[in-house]
């Protein structure tokens, strides 16, 4: 029996991100997802939207069928 796993190369927030500190955010996604850690990747609100900025993922936690990302926004293309 295998574990379903999705490999992602960008962060798609769909507006569900939570600010932890000034440039540090938490995002919980359904399912198990693998992301590159400590490498700058693009952040978007939706798959089809323009880039919101660039972030570096600091922590990925898989638990109870969800993935929790902690990421630091290092460059912002639009205002909040």
PDB file of N, CA and C in Angstrom:
ATOM      1  N   UNK A   1       0.847  -1.185   0.000  1.00  0.00           N
ATOM      2  CA  UNK A   1       0.000   0.000   0.000  1.00  0.00           C
ATOM      3  C   UNK A   1       0.892   1.248   0.000  1.00  0.00           C
ATOM      4  N   UNK A   2       0.647   2.143  -0.939  1.00  0.00           N
ATOM      5  CA  UNK A   2       1.461   3.346  -1.064  1.00  0.00           C
ATOM      6  C   UNK A   2       0.828   4.547  -0.402  1.00  0.00           C
ATOM      7  N   UNK A   3       1.637   5.570  -0.242  1.00  0.00           N
ATOM      8  CA  UNK A   3       1.171   6.837   0.320  1.00  0.00           C
ATOM      9  C   UNK A   3       1.105   7.848  -0.808  1.00  0.00           C
ATOM     10  N   UNK A   4      -0.071   8.457  -1.063  1.00  0.00           N
ATOM     11  CA  UNK A   4      -0.145   9.479  -2.112  1.00  0.00           C
ATOM     12  C   UNK A   4       0.680  10.700  -1.714  1.00  0.00           C
ATOM     13  N   UNK A   5       1.497  11.156  -2.656  1.00  0.00           N
ATOM     14  CA  UNK A   5       2.399  12.267  -2.400  1.00  0.00           C
ATOM     15  C   UNK A   5       2.447  13.161  -3.626  1.00  0.00           C
ATOM     16  N   UNK A   6       2.383  14.459  -3.405  1.00  0.00           N
ATOM     17  CA  UNK A   6       2.425  15.436  -4.496  1.00  0.00           C
ATOM     18  C   UNK A   6       3.693  16.264  -4.355  1.00  0.00           C
ATOM     19  N   UNK A   7       4.397  16.464  -5.459  1.00  0.00           N
ATOM     20  CA  UNK A   7       5.609  17.285  -5.475  1.00  0.00           C
ATOM     21  C   UNK A   7       5.249  18.675  -5.994  1.00  0.00           C
ATOM     22  N   UNK A   8       5.518  19.706  -5.201  1.00  0.00           N
ATOM     23  CA  UNK A   8       5.186  21.081  -5.569  1.00  0.00           C
ATOM     24  C   UNK A   8       6.439  21.924  -5.711  1.00  0.00           C
ATOM     25  N   UNK A   9       6.426  22.812  -6.714  1.00  0.00           N
ATOM     26  CA  UNK A   9       7.564  23.704  -6.945  1.00  0.00           C
ATOM     27  C   UNK A   9       7.170  25.168  -6.789  1.00  0.00           C
ATOM     28  N   UNK A  10       5.963  25.431  -6.295  1.00  0.00           N
ATOM     29  CA  UNK A  10       5.519  26.786  -5.960  1.00  0.00           C
ATOM     30  C   UNK A  10       4.505  26.672  -4.824  1.00  0.00           C
ATOM     31  N   UNK A  11       4.290  27.753  -4.127  1.00  0.00           N
ATOM     32  CA  UNK A  11       3.314  27.799  -3.044  1.00  0.00           C
ATOM     33  C   UNK A  11       2.064  28.479  -3.578  1.00  0.00           C
ATOM     34  N   UNK A  12       0.922  27.791  -3.521  1.00  0.00           N
ATOM     35  CA  UNK A  12      -0.368  28.357  -3.919  1.00  0.00           C
ATOM     36  C   UNK A  12      -1.199  28.482  -2.644  1.00  0.00           C
ATOM     37  N   UNK A  13      -1.484  29.712  -2.225  1.00  0.00           N
ATOM     38  CA  UNK A  13      -2.090  29.950  -0.913  1.00  0.00           C
ATOM     39  C   UNK A  13      -3.615  29.900  -0.901  1.00  0.00           C
ATOM     40  N   UNK A  14      -4.253  30.288  -1.981  1.00  0.00           N
ATOM     41  CA  UNK A  14      -5.718  30.423  -2.048  1.00  0.00           C
ATOM     42  C   UNK A  14      -6.251  31.287  -0.903  1.00  0.00           C
ATOM     43  N   UNK A  15      -5.405  32.196  -0.408  1.00  0.00           N
ATOM     44  CA  UNK A  15      -5.807  33.126   0.652  1.00  0.00           C
ATOM     45  C   UNK A  15      -5.895  32.498   2.033  1.00  0.00           C
ATOM     46  N   UNK A  16      -5.366  31.295   2.235  1.00  0.00           N
ATOM     47  CA  UNK A  16      -5.480  30.589   3.517  1.00  0.00           C
ATOM     48  C   UNK A  16      -4.241  30.713   4.400  1.00  0.00           C
ATOM     49  N   UNK A  17      -3.277  31.515   3.997  1.00  0.00           N
ATOM     50  CA  UNK A  17      -2.059  31.650   4.793  1.00  0.00           C
ATOM     51  C   UNK A  17      -2.342  32.439   6.069  1.00  0.00           C
ATOM     52  N   UNK A  18      -1.599  32.115   7.124  1.00  0.00           N
ATOM     53  CA  UNK A  18      -1.720  32.819   8.403  1.00  0.00           C
ATOM     54  C   UNK A  18      -0.365  33.439   8.722  1.00  0.00           C
ATOM     55  N   UNK A  19      -0.382  34.716   9.062  1.00  0.00           N
ATOM     56  CA  UNK A  19       0.863  35.411   9.409  1.00  0.00           C
ATOM     57  C   UNK A  19       1.259  35.023  10.830  1.00  0.00           C
ATOM     58  N   UNK A  20       2.505  34.560  10.993  1.00  0.00           N
ATOM     59  CA  UNK A  20       3.046  34.215  12.311  1.00  0.00           C
ATOM     60  C   UNK A  20       3.832  35.401  12.855  1.00  0.00           C
ATOM     61  N   UNK A  21       4.707  35.942  12.033  1.00  0.00           N
ATOM     62  CA  UNK A  21       5.489  37.129  12.344  1.00  0.00           C
ATOM     63  C   UNK A  21       5.464  38.027  11.120  1.00  0.00           C
ATOM     64  N   UNK A  22       6.297  39.033  11.101  1.00  0.00           N
ATOM     65  CA  UNK A  22       6.273  40.021  10.014  1.00  0.00           C
ATOM     66  C   UNK A  22       6.336  39.382   8.618  1.00  0.00           C
ATOM     67  N   UNK A  23       7.327  38.562   8.345  1.00  0.00           N
ATOM     68  CA  UNK A  23       7.469  37.934   7.031  1.00  0.00           C
ATOM     69  C   UNK A  23       7.384  36.413   7.097  1.00  0.00           C
ATOM     70  N   UNK A  24       6.889  35.859   8.189  1.00  0.00           N
ATOM     71  CA  UNK A  24       6.796  34.415   8.383  1.00  0.00           C
ATOM     72  C   UNK A  24       5.332  33.995   8.369  1.00  0.00           C
ATOM     73  N   UNK A  25       5.023  32.977   7.561  1.00  0.00           N
ATOM     74  CA  UNK A  25       3.639  32.554   7.366  1.00  0.00           C
ATOM     75  C   UNK A  25       3.488  31.055   7.580  1.00  0.00           C
ATOM     76  N   UNK A  26       2.275  30.628   7.929  1.00  0.00           N
ATOM     77  CA  UNK A  26       1.914  29.226   8.066  1.00  0.00           C
ATOM     78  C   UNK A  26       0.788  28.945   7.082  1.00  0.00           C
ATOM     79  N   UNK A  27       0.905  27.836   6.355  1.00  0.00           N
ATOM     80  CA  UNK A  27      -0.123  27.435   5.392  1.00  0.00           C
ATOM     81  C   UNK A  27      -0.350  25.945   5.538  1.00  0.00           C
ATOM     82  N   UNK A  28      -1.609  25.554   5.734  1.00  0.00           N
ATOM     83  CA  UNK A  28      -1.960  24.137   5.804  1.00  0.00           C
ATOM     84  C   UNK A  28      -2.671  23.739   4.527  1.00  0.00           C
ATOM     85  N   UNK A  29      -2.230  22.601   3.948  1.00  0.00           N
ATOM     86  CA  UNK A  29      -2.783  22.097   2.695  1.00  0.00           C
ATOM     87  C   UNK A  29      -3.271  20.666   2.925  1.00  0.00           C
ATOM     88  N   UNK A  30      -4.334  20.277   2.223  1.00  0.00           N
ATOM     89  CA  UNK A  30      -4.839  18.907   2.276  1.00  0.00           C
ATOM     90  C   UNK A  30      -3.854  17.966   1.607  1.00  0.00           C
ATOM     91  N   UNK A  31      -3.684  16.780   2.130  1.00  0.00           N
ATOM     92  CA  UNK A  31      -2.830  15.770   1.528  1.00  0.00           C
ATOM     93  C   UNK A  31      -1.369  15.959   1.886  1.00  0.00           C
ATOM     94  N   UNK A  32      -0.575  14.991   1.469  1.00  0.00           N
ATOM     95  CA  UNK A  32       0.861  15.042   1.714  1.00  0.00           C
ATOM     96  C   UNK A  32       1.552  15.651   0.503  1.00  0.00           C
ATOM     97  N   UNK A  33       2.301  16.717   0.726  1.00  0.00           N
ATOM     98  CA  UNK A  33       2.966  17.449  -0.357  1.00  0.00           C
ATOM     99  C   UNK A  33       4.435  17.645  -0.003  1.00  0.00           C
ATOM    100  N   UNK A  34       5.263  17.511  -1.003  1.00  0.00           N
ATOM    101  CA  UNK A  34       6.698  17.682  -0.832  1.00  0.00           C
ATOM    102  C   UNK A  34       7.110  18.999  -1.479  1.00  0.00           C
ATOM    103  N   UNK A  35       7.848  19.813  -0.744  1.00  0.00           N
ATOM    104  CA  UNK A  35       8.316  21.122  -1.217  1.00  0.00           C
ATOM    105  C   UNK A  35       9.816  21.223  -1.021  1.00  0.00           C
ATOM    106  N   UNK A  36      10.504  21.995  -1.861  1.00  0.00           N
ATOM    107  CA  UNK A  36      11.936  22.239  -1.629  1.00  0.00           C
ATOM    108  C   UNK A  36      12.109  23.165  -0.420  1.00  0.00           C
ATOM    109  N   UNK A  37      13.057  22.843   0.433  1.00  0.00           N
ATOM    110  CA  UNK A  37      13.314  23.638   1.636  1.00  0.00           C
ATOM    111  C   UNK A  37      14.567  24.480   1.414  1.00  0.00           C
ATOM    112  N   UNK A  38      14.540  25.712   1.900  1.00  0.00           N
ATOM    113  CA  UNK A  38      15.677  26.649   1.833  1.00  0.00           C
ATOM    114  C   UNK A  38      16.077  27.026   0.406  1.00  0.00           C
ATOM    115  N   UNK A  39      15.125  26.963  -0.518  1.00  0.00           N
ATOM    116  CA  UNK A  39      15.346  27.385  -1.904  1.00  0.00           C
ATOM    117  C   UNK A  39      14.239  28.381  -2.250  1.00  0.00           C
ATOM    118  N   UNK A  40      14.549  29.542  -2.789  1.00  0.00           N
ATOM    119  CA  UNK A  40      13.505  30.512  -3.148  1.00  0.00           C
ATOM    120  C   UNK A  40      12.542  29.937  -4.192  1.00  0.00           C
ATOM    121  N   UNK A  41      11.232  30.006  -3.887  1.00  0.00           N
ATOM    122  CA  UNK A  41      10.203  29.562  -4.834  1.00  0.00           C
ATOM    123  C   UNK A  41       9.096  30.605  -4.900  1.00  0.00           C
ATOM    124  N   UNK A  42       8.329  30.546  -5.959  1.00  0.00           N
ATOM    125  CA  UNK A  42       7.267  31.507  -6.230  1.00  0.00           C
ATOM    126  C   UNK A  42       6.052  31.273  -5.323  1.00  0.00           C
ATOM    127  N   UNK A  43       5.384  32.365  -4.935  1.00  0.00           N
ATOM    128  CA  UNK A  43       4.149  32.315  -4.158  1.00  0.00           C
ATOM    129  C   UNK A  43       3.049  32.928  -5.008  1.00  0.00           C
ATOM    130  N   UNK A  44       1.911  32.211  -5.120  1.00  0.00           N
ATOM    131  CA  UNK A  44       0.757  32.707  -5.870  1.00  0.00           C
ATOM    132  C   UNK A  44      -0.510  32.509  -5.052  1.00  0.00           C
ATOM    133  N   UNK A  45      -1.516  33.335  -5.296  1.00  0.00           N
ATOM    134  CA  UNK A  45      -2.830  33.148  -4.643  1.00  0.00           C
ATOM    135  C   UNK A  45      -3.562  31.965  -5.268  1.00  0.00           C
ATOM    136  N   UNK A  46      -3.527  31.868  -6.605  1.00  0.00           N
ATOM    137  CA  UNK A  46      -4.121  30.739  -7.325  1.00  0.00           C
ATOM    138  C   UNK A  46      -3.129  30.293  -8.389  1.00  0.00           C
ATOM    139  N   UNK A  47      -3.348  29.126  -8.953  1.00  0.00           N
ATOM    140  CA  UNK A  47      -2.450  28.608  -9.988  1.00  0.00           C
ATOM    141  C   UNK A  47      -2.349  29.559 -11.181  1.00  0.00           C
ATOM    142  N   UNK A  48      -3.451  30.232 -11.523  1.00  0.00           N
ATOM    143  CA  UNK A  48      -3.497  31.079 -12.712  1.00  0.00           C
ATOM    144  C   UNK A  48      -3.180  32.547 -12.451  1.00  0.00           C
ATOM    145  N   UNK A  49      -2.996  32.925 -11.191  1.00  0.00           N
ATOM    146  CA  UNK A  49      -2.747  34.340 -10.883  1.00  0.00           C
ATOM    147  C   UNK A  49      -1.276  34.695 -11.093  1.00  0.00           C
ATOM    148  N   UNK A  50      -1.017  36.000 -11.108  1.00  0.00           N
ATOM    149  CA  UNK A  50       0.366  36.471 -11.177  1.00  0.00           C
ATOM    150  C   UNK A  50       1.075  36.157  -9.867  1.00  0.00           C
ATOM    151  N   UNK A  51       2.372  36.155  -9.909  1.00  0.00           N
ATOM    152  CA  UNK A  51       3.171  35.873  -8.725  1.00  0.00           C
ATOM    153  C   UNK A  51       2.967  36.957  -7.664  1.00  0.00           C
ATOM    154  N   UNK A  52       2.768  36.532  -6.405  1.00  0.00           N
ATOM    155  CA  UNK A  52       2.645  37.470  -5.289  1.00  0.00           C
ATOM    156  C   UNK A  52       4.003  37.809  -4.715  1.00  0.00           C
ATOM    157  N   UNK A  53       4.968  36.904  -4.895  1.00  0.00           N
ATOM    158  CA  UNK A  53       6.293  37.130  -4.361  1.00  0.00           C
ATOM    159  C   UNK A  53       7.132  35.868  -4.395  1.00  0.00           C
ATOM    160  N   UNK A  54       8.229  35.918  -3.668  1.00  0.00           N
ATOM    161  CA  UNK A  54       9.165  34.801  -3.559  1.00  0.00           C
ATOM    162  C   UNK A  54       9.317  34.468  -2.073  1.00  0.00           C
ATOM    163  N   UNK A  55       9.340  33.170  -1.769  1.00  0.00           N
ATOM    164  CA  UNK A  55       9.465  32.727  -0.377  1.00  0.00           C
ATOM    165  C   UNK A  55      10.478  31.598  -0.270  1.00  0.00           C
ATOM    166  N   UNK A  56      10.941  31.405   0.963  1.00  0.00           N
ATOM    167  CA  UNK A  56      11.808  30.280   1.293  1.00  0.00           C
ATOM    168  C   UNK A  56      11.088  29.462   2.359  1.00  0.00           C
ATOM    169  N   UNK A  57      10.867  28.186   2.085  1.00  0.00           N
ATOM    170  CA  UNK A  57      10.194  27.309   3.047  1.00  0.00           C
ATOM    171  C   UNK A  57      11.194  26.915   4.122  1.00  0.00           C
ATOM    172  N   UNK A  58      10.793  27.115   5.373  1.00  0.00           N
ATOM    173  CA  UNK A  58      11.652  26.832   6.515  1.00  0.00           C
ATOM    174  C   UNK A  58      11.317  25.496   7.176  1.00  0.00           C
ATOM    175  N   UNK A  59      10.043  25.072   7.074  1.00  0.00           N
ATOM    176  CA  UNK A  59       9.627  23.851   7.768  1.00  0.00           C
ATOM    177  C   UNK A  59       8.433  23.237   7.050  1.00  0.00           C
ATOM    178  N   UNK A  60       8.436  21.903   6.919  1.00  0.00           N
ATOM    179  CA  UNK A  60       7.319  21.153   6.359  1.00  0.00           C
ATOM    180  C   UNK A  60       6.959  20.054   7.349  1.00  0.00           C
ATOM    181  N   UNK A  61       5.668  19.979   7.729  1.00  0.00           N
ATOM    182  CA  UNK A  61       5.207  18.949   8.663  1.00  0.00           C
ATOM    183  C   UNK A  61       4.064  18.182   8.025  1.00  0.00           C
ATOM    184  N   UNK A  62       4.202  16.859   7.968  1.00  0.00           N
ATOM    185  CA  UNK A  62       3.123  15.978   7.501  1.00  0.00           C
ATOM    186  C   UNK A  62       2.453  15.377   8.719  1.00  0.00           C
ATOM    187  N   UNK A  63       1.129  15.525   8.807  1.00  0.00           N
ATOM    188  CA  UNK A  63       0.411  15.002   9.956  1.00  0.00           C
ATOM    189  C   UNK A  63      -1.074  14.883   9.645  1.00  0.00           C
ATOM    190  N   UNK A  64      -1.645  13.742   9.937  1.00  0.00           N
ATOM    191  CA  UNK A  64      -3.088  13.500   9.795  1.00  0.00           C
ATOM    192  C   UNK A  64      -3.620  13.856   8.409  1.00  0.00           C
ATOM    193  N   UNK A  65      -2.885  13.483   7.371  1.00  0.00           N
ATOM    194  CA  UNK A  65      -3.345  13.724   6.003  1.00  0.00           C
ATOM    195  C   UNK A  65      -3.228  15.159   5.531  1.00  0.00           C
ATOM    196  N   UNK A  66      -2.468  15.986   6.244  1.00  0.00           N
ATOM    197  CA  UNK A  66      -2.266  17.384   5.829  1.00  0.00           C
ATOM    198  C   UNK A  66      -0.778  17.719   5.813  1.00  0.00           C
ATOM    199  N   UNK A  67      -0.462  18.781   5.113  1.00  0.00           N
ATOM    200  CA  UNK A  67       0.903  19.310   5.073  1.00  0.00           C
ATOM    201  C   UNK A  67       0.857  20.733   5.615  1.00  0.00           C
ATOM    202  N   UNK A  68       1.697  21.019   6.604  1.00  0.00           N
ATOM    203  CA  UNK A  68       1.809  22.372   7.163  1.00  0.00           C
ATOM    204  C   UNK A  68       3.148  22.961   6.739  1.00  0.00           C
ATOM    205  N   UNK A  69       3.090  24.099   6.069  1.00  0.00           N
ATOM    206  CA  UNK A  69       4.292  24.797   5.602  1.00  0.00           C
ATOM    207  C   UNK A  69       4.527  26.030   6.450  1.00  0.00           C
ATOM    208  N   UNK A  70       5.751  26.224   6.859  1.00  0.00           N
ATOM    209  CA  UNK A  70       6.160  27.491   7.443  1.00  0.00           C
ATOM    210  C   UNK A  70       7.137  28.101   6.456  1.00  0.00           C
ATOM    211  N   UNK A  71       6.796  29.280   5.945  1.00  0.00           N
ATOM    212  CA  UNK A  71       7.653  29.907   4.943  1.00  0.00           C
ATOM    213  C   UNK A  71       7.882  31.374   5.248  1.00  0.00           C
ATOM    214  N   UNK A  72       9.033  31.855   4.770  1.00  0.00           N
ATOM    215  CA  UNK A  72       9.414  33.252   4.955  1.00  0.00           C
ATOM    216  C   UNK A  72       9.340  33.957   3.611  1.00  0.00           C
ATOM    217  N   UNK A  73       8.549  35.011   3.539  1.00  0.00           N
ATOM    218  CA  UNK A  73       8.447  35.806   2.332  1.00  0.00           C
ATOM    219  C   UNK A  73       9.678  36.697   2.226  1.00  0.00           C
ATOM    220  N   UNK A  74      10.424  36.548   1.130  1.00  0.00           N
ATOM    221  CA  UNK A  74      11.657  37.333   0.985  1.00  0.00           C
ATOM    222  C   UNK A  74      11.529  38.442  -0.053  1.00  0.00           C
ATOM    223  N   UNK A  75      10.481  38.355  -0.882  1.00  0.00           N
ATOM    224  CA  UNK A  75      10.254  39.376  -1.898  1.00  0.00           C
ATOM    225  C   UNK A  75       8.751  39.451  -2.157  1.00  0.00           C
ATOM    226  N   UNK A  76       8.195  40.661  -2.168  1.00  0.00           N
ATOM    227  CA  UNK A  76       6.760  40.853  -2.370  1.00  0.00           C
ATOM    228  C   UNK A  76       6.525  41.633  -3.655  1.00  0.00           C
ATOM    229  N   UNK A  77       5.673  41.085  -4.541  1.00  0.00           N
ATOM    230  CA  UNK A  77       5.370  41.745  -5.804  1.00  0.00           C
ATOM    231  C   UNK A  77       4.111  42.606  -5.719  1.00  0.00           C
ATOM    232  N   UNK A  78       3.221  42.323  -4.772  1.00  0.00           N
ATOM    233  CA  UNK A  78       1.990  43.088  -4.601  1.00  0.00           C
ATOM    234  C   UNK A  78       1.833  43.461  -3.135  1.00  0.00           C
ATOM    235  N   UNK A  79       0.925  44.382  -2.840  1.00  0.00           N
ATOM    236  CA  UNK A  79       0.674  44.772  -1.452  1.00  0.00           C
ATOM    237  C   UNK A  79      -0.397  43.885  -0.861  1.00  0.00           C
ATOM    238  N   UNK A  80      -0.385  43.758   0.476  1.00  0.00           N
ATOM    239  CA  UNK A  80      -1.391  42.943   1.187  1.00  0.00           C
ATOM    240  C   UNK A  80      -2.646  43.737   1.377  1.00  0.00           C
TER     241      UNK A  80
END
